[in-house]
């Protein structure tokens, strides 16, 4: 619980930096994908990941914020695994109200998954004579 509070306070302090046109910010953190993992029975589960991204202010109120999230591998049985990753391309519009800054968000997320299976030996052809 204390760790979550520290992460929350750090994210607030990062977002409290003033926005200036032409300014670039870099951010990173942890992610929780609610369906970014797979259980042994094939059902989806929550999975932790890490995020790295940046934000460029086009004007004092408008920014572009691309980011990449890698979710840790899910093991299915002893030799199968699934990995997920996501690229987010976001646009943000900041509006300041007294001491509070809010932003509207629009964007697109491109999600990729990779399934790793053990190699299987496949027999091709027949064993008969001609």
C-alpha atoms as a PDB file:
ATOM      1  CA  UNK A   1       0.000   0.000   0.000  1.00  0.00           C
ATOM      2  CA  UNK A   2       2.826   2.385   0.867  1.00  0.00           C
ATOM      3  CA  UNK A   3       4.474   1.628  -2.496  1.00  0.00           C
ATOM      4  CA  UNK A   4       1.262   2.570  -4.354  1.00  0.00           C
ATOM      5  CA  UNK A   5       1.094   5.840  -2.427  1.00  0.00           C
ATOM      6  CA  UNK A   6       4.698   6.673  -3.366  1.00  0.00           C
ATOM      7  CA  UNK A   7       4.027   5.902  -7.050  1.00  0.00           C
ATOM      8  CA  UNK A   8       0.894   8.100  -6.911  1.00  0.00           C
ATOM      9  CA  UNK A   9       2.792  11.007  -5.336  1.00  0.00           C
ATOM     10  CA  UNK A  10       5.626  10.750  -7.861  1.00  0.00           C
ATOM     11  CA  UNK A  11       3.145  10.795 -10.753  1.00  0.00           C
ATOM     12  CA  UNK A  12       1.468  13.885  -9.285  1.00  0.00           C
ATOM     13  CA  UNK A  13       4.805  15.659  -8.905  1.00  0.00           C
ATOM     14  CA  UNK A  14       5.793  14.815 -12.510  1.00  0.00           C
ATOM     15  CA  UNK A  15       2.483  16.190 -13.812  1.00  0.00           C
ATOM     16  CA  UNK A  16       2.819  19.354 -11.713  1.00  0.00           C
ATOM     17  CA  UNK A  17       5.613  20.643 -13.991  1.00  0.00           C
ATOM     18  CA  UNK A  18       4.420  23.638 -16.003  1.00  0.00           C
ATOM     19  CA  UNK A  19       3.714  23.172 -19.692  1.00  0.00           C
ATOM     20  CA  UNK A  20       5.748  25.304 -22.100  1.00  0.00           C
ATOM     21  CA  UNK A  21       5.606  25.067 -25.907  1.00  0.00           C
ATOM     22  CA  UNK A  22       8.620  23.178 -27.287  1.00  0.00           C
ATOM     23  CA  UNK A  23       9.284  21.417 -23.976  1.00  0.00           C
ATOM     24  CA  UNK A  24       9.943  17.685 -23.928  1.00  0.00           C
ATOM     25  CA  UNK A  25       9.213  15.392 -20.982  1.00  0.00           C
ATOM     26  CA  UNK A  26      10.196  11.751 -20.556  1.00  0.00           C
ATOM     27  CA  UNK A  27       8.251   9.421 -18.276  1.00  0.00           C
ATOM     28  CA  UNK A  28       8.286   5.832 -17.160  1.00  0.00           C
ATOM     29  CA  UNK A  29       6.350   3.666 -14.778  1.00  0.00           C
ATOM     30  CA  UNK A  30       4.520   0.458 -14.135  1.00  0.00           C
ATOM     31  CA  UNK A  31       1.422  -0.717 -15.982  1.00  0.00           C
ATOM     32  CA  UNK A  32      -1.325  -3.181 -15.112  1.00  0.00           C
ATOM     33  CA  UNK A  33      -2.995  -4.770 -18.113  1.00  0.00           C
ATOM     34  CA  UNK A  34      -6.324  -6.178 -16.981  1.00  0.00           C
ATOM     35  CA  UNK A  35      -6.252  -8.826 -19.733  1.00  0.00           C
ATOM     36  CA  UNK A  36      -2.553  -8.834 -20.688  1.00  0.00           C
ATOM     37  CA  UNK A  37      -1.807 -12.300 -19.364  1.00  0.00           C
ATOM     38  CA  UNK A  38      -3.109 -15.818 -19.885  1.00  0.00           C
ATOM     39  CA  UNK A  39      -3.808 -18.447 -17.249  1.00  0.00           C
ATOM     40  CA  UNK A  40      -3.029 -22.180 -17.602  1.00  0.00           C
ATOM     41  CA  UNK A  41      -6.649 -22.828 -18.605  1.00  0.00           C
ATOM     42  CA  UNK A  42      -6.486 -20.189 -21.388  1.00  0.00           C
ATOM     43  CA  UNK A  43      -8.483 -17.471 -19.628  1.00  0.00           C
ATOM     44  CA  UNK A  44      -7.136 -13.920 -19.483  1.00  0.00           C
ATOM     45  CA  UNK A  45      -5.643 -12.511 -16.273  1.00  0.00           C
ATOM     46  CA  UNK A  46      -4.116  -9.216 -15.150  1.00  0.00           C
ATOM     47  CA  UNK A  47      -0.408  -8.827 -15.869  1.00  0.00           C
ATOM     48  CA  UNK A  48       2.218  -6.285 -14.796  1.00  0.00           C
ATOM     49  CA  UNK A  49       4.325  -4.350 -17.253  1.00  0.00           C
ATOM     50  CA  UNK A  50       6.644  -1.365 -17.627  1.00  0.00           C
ATOM     51  CA  UNK A  51       6.019   1.803 -19.625  1.00  0.00           C
ATOM     52  CA  UNK A  52       8.419   4.297 -21.175  1.00  0.00           C
ATOM     53  CA  UNK A  53       7.272   7.354 -23.068  1.00  0.00           C
ATOM     54  CA  UNK A  54       7.700  10.988 -23.859  1.00  0.00           C
ATOM     55  CA  UNK A  55       5.649  14.115 -24.300  1.00  0.00           C
ATOM     56  CA  UNK A  56       6.297  17.053 -26.609  1.00  0.00           C
ATOM     57  CA  UNK A  57       4.365  20.300 -26.173  1.00  0.00           C
ATOM     58  CA  UNK A  58       3.350  21.737 -29.549  1.00  0.00           C
ATOM     59  CA  UNK A  59       1.756  24.719 -27.777  1.00  0.00           C
ATOM     60  CA  UNK A  60       1.310  25.565 -24.094  1.00  0.00           C
ATOM     61  CA  UNK A  61      -1.915  23.503 -24.043  1.00  0.00           C
ATOM     62  CA  UNK A  62      -1.485  20.790 -26.709  1.00  0.00           C
ATOM     63  CA  UNK A  63       0.993  17.919 -26.586  1.00  0.00           C
ATOM     64  CA  UNK A  64       1.825  14.660 -28.338  1.00  0.00           C
ATOM     65  CA  UNK A  65       2.684  11.773 -26.014  1.00  0.00           C
ATOM     66  CA  UNK A  66       3.827   8.457 -27.536  1.00  0.00           C
ATOM     67  CA  UNK A  67       4.649   5.564 -25.185  1.00  0.00           C
ATOM     68  CA  UNK A  68       5.607   1.885 -25.249  1.00  0.00           C
ATOM     69  CA  UNK A  69       4.444  -0.710 -22.702  1.00  0.00           C
ATOM     70  CA  UNK A  70       5.985  -4.160 -22.311  1.00  0.00           C
ATOM     71  CA  UNK A  71       3.984  -6.691 -20.297  1.00  0.00           C
ATOM     72  CA  UNK A  72       5.905  -9.486 -18.599  1.00  0.00           C
ATOM     73  CA  UNK A  73       5.684 -12.980 -20.064  1.00  0.00           C
ATOM     74  CA  UNK A  74       2.845 -15.312 -19.027  1.00  0.00           C
ATOM     75  CA  UNK A  75       3.787 -18.968 -18.731  1.00  0.00           C
ATOM     76  CA  UNK A  76       1.210 -21.512 -19.878  1.00  0.00           C
ATOM     77  CA  UNK A  77       2.177 -24.911 -18.602  1.00  0.00           C
ATOM     78  CA  UNK A  78       5.888 -25.724 -18.669  1.00  0.00           C
ATOM     79  CA  UNK A  79       6.902 -24.835 -22.246  1.00  0.00           C
ATOM     80  CA  UNK A  80       4.363 -22.346 -23.651  1.00  0.00           C
ATOM     81  CA  UNK A  81       4.345 -18.594 -23.095  1.00  0.00           C
ATOM     82  CA  UNK A  82       2.600 -15.412 -24.246  1.00  0.00           C
ATOM     83  CA  UNK A  83       4.003 -11.872 -24.384  1.00  0.00           C
ATOM     84  CA  UNK A  84       2.048  -8.665 -24.951  1.00  0.00           C
ATOM     85  CA  UNK A  85       3.264  -5.164 -25.771  1.00  0.00           C
ATOM     86  CA  UNK A  86       1.502  -1.914 -26.679  1.00  0.00           C
ATOM     87  CA  UNK A  87       2.370   1.314 -28.467  1.00  0.00           C
ATOM     88  CA  UNK A  88       0.222   4.310 -27.526  1.00  0.00           C
ATOM     89  CA  UNK A  89       0.045   7.428 -29.682  1.00  0.00           C
ATOM     90  CA  UNK A  90      -1.756  10.057 -27.621  1.00  0.00           C
ATOM     91  CA  UNK A  91      -2.701  13.695 -28.018  1.00  0.00           C
ATOM     92  CA  UNK A  92      -3.450  15.770 -24.934  1.00  0.00           C
ATOM     93  CA  UNK A  93      -5.202  19.086 -24.381  1.00  0.00           C
ATOM     94  CA  UNK A  94      -4.363  20.734 -21.043  1.00  0.00           C
ATOM     95  CA  UNK A  95      -6.685  23.154 -19.262  1.00  0.00           C
ATOM     96  CA  UNK A  96      -5.782  24.913 -16.025  1.00  0.00           C
ATOM     97  CA  UNK A  97      -8.398  25.702 -13.357  1.00  0.00           C
ATOM     98  CA  UNK A  98      -6.948  27.717 -10.455  1.00  0.00           C
ATOM     99  CA  UNK A  99      -4.305  25.364  -8.983  1.00  0.00           C
ATOM    100  CA  UNK A 100      -5.520  22.228 -10.807  1.00  0.00           C
ATOM    101  CA  UNK A 101      -4.479  21.197 -14.318  1.00  0.00           C
ATOM    102  CA  UNK A 102      -6.687  18.703 -16.178  1.00  0.00           C
ATOM    103  CA  UNK A 103      -6.172  17.240 -19.606  1.00  0.00           C
ATOM    104  CA  UNK A 104      -8.331  15.611 -22.236  1.00  0.00           C
ATOM    105  CA  UNK A 105      -6.854  12.635 -24.018  1.00  0.00           C
ATOM    106  CA  UNK A 106      -7.359  11.186 -27.482  1.00  0.00           C
ATOM    107  CA  UNK A 107      -5.237   8.559 -29.160  1.00  0.00           C
ATOM    108  CA  UNK A 108      -4.746   5.101 -30.483  1.00  0.00           C
ATOM    109  CA  UNK A 109      -3.232   1.960 -28.964  1.00  0.00           C
ATOM    110  CA  UNK A 110      -1.592  -0.711 -31.090  1.00  0.00           C
ATOM    111  CA  UNK A 111      -1.298  -4.000 -29.184  1.00  0.00           C
ATOM    112  CA  UNK A 112       0.923  -6.906 -30.205  1.00  0.00           C
ATOM    113  CA  UNK A 113       1.009 -10.422 -28.813  1.00  0.00           C
ATOM    114  CA  UNK A 114       3.523 -13.209 -29.332  1.00  0.00           C
ATOM    115  CA  UNK A 115       2.892 -16.864 -28.518  1.00  0.00           C
ATOM    116  CA  UNK A 116       5.898 -19.126 -28.035  1.00  0.00           C
ATOM    117  CA  UNK A 117       5.320 -22.859 -28.436  1.00  0.00           C
ATOM    118  CA  UNK A 118       7.915 -25.627 -28.222  1.00  0.00           C
ATOM    119  CA  UNK A 119       9.082 -27.078 -31.550  1.00  0.00           C
ATOM    120  CA  UNK A 120       7.091 -30.083 -32.699  1.00  0.00           C
ATOM    121  CA  UNK A 121       8.278 -32.872 -34.981  1.00  0.00           C
ATOM    122  CA  UNK A 122       5.968 -33.335 -37.912  1.00  0.00           C
ATOM    123  CA  UNK A 123       6.260 -36.369 -40.172  1.00  0.00           C
ATOM    124  CA  UNK A 124       5.620 -35.615 -43.839  1.00  0.00           C
ATOM    125  CA  UNK A 125       5.064 -38.209 -46.474  1.00  0.00           C
ATOM    126  CA  UNK A 126       4.068 -41.843 -46.383  1.00  0.00           C
ATOM    127  CA  UNK A 127       6.032 -44.913 -45.514  1.00  0.00           C
ATOM    128  CA  UNK A 128       4.685 -47.019 -48.380  1.00  0.00           C
ATOM    129  CA  UNK A 129       6.450 -48.334 -51.505  1.00  0.00           C
ATOM    130  CA  UNK A 130       5.589 -47.473 -55.075  1.00  0.00           C
END
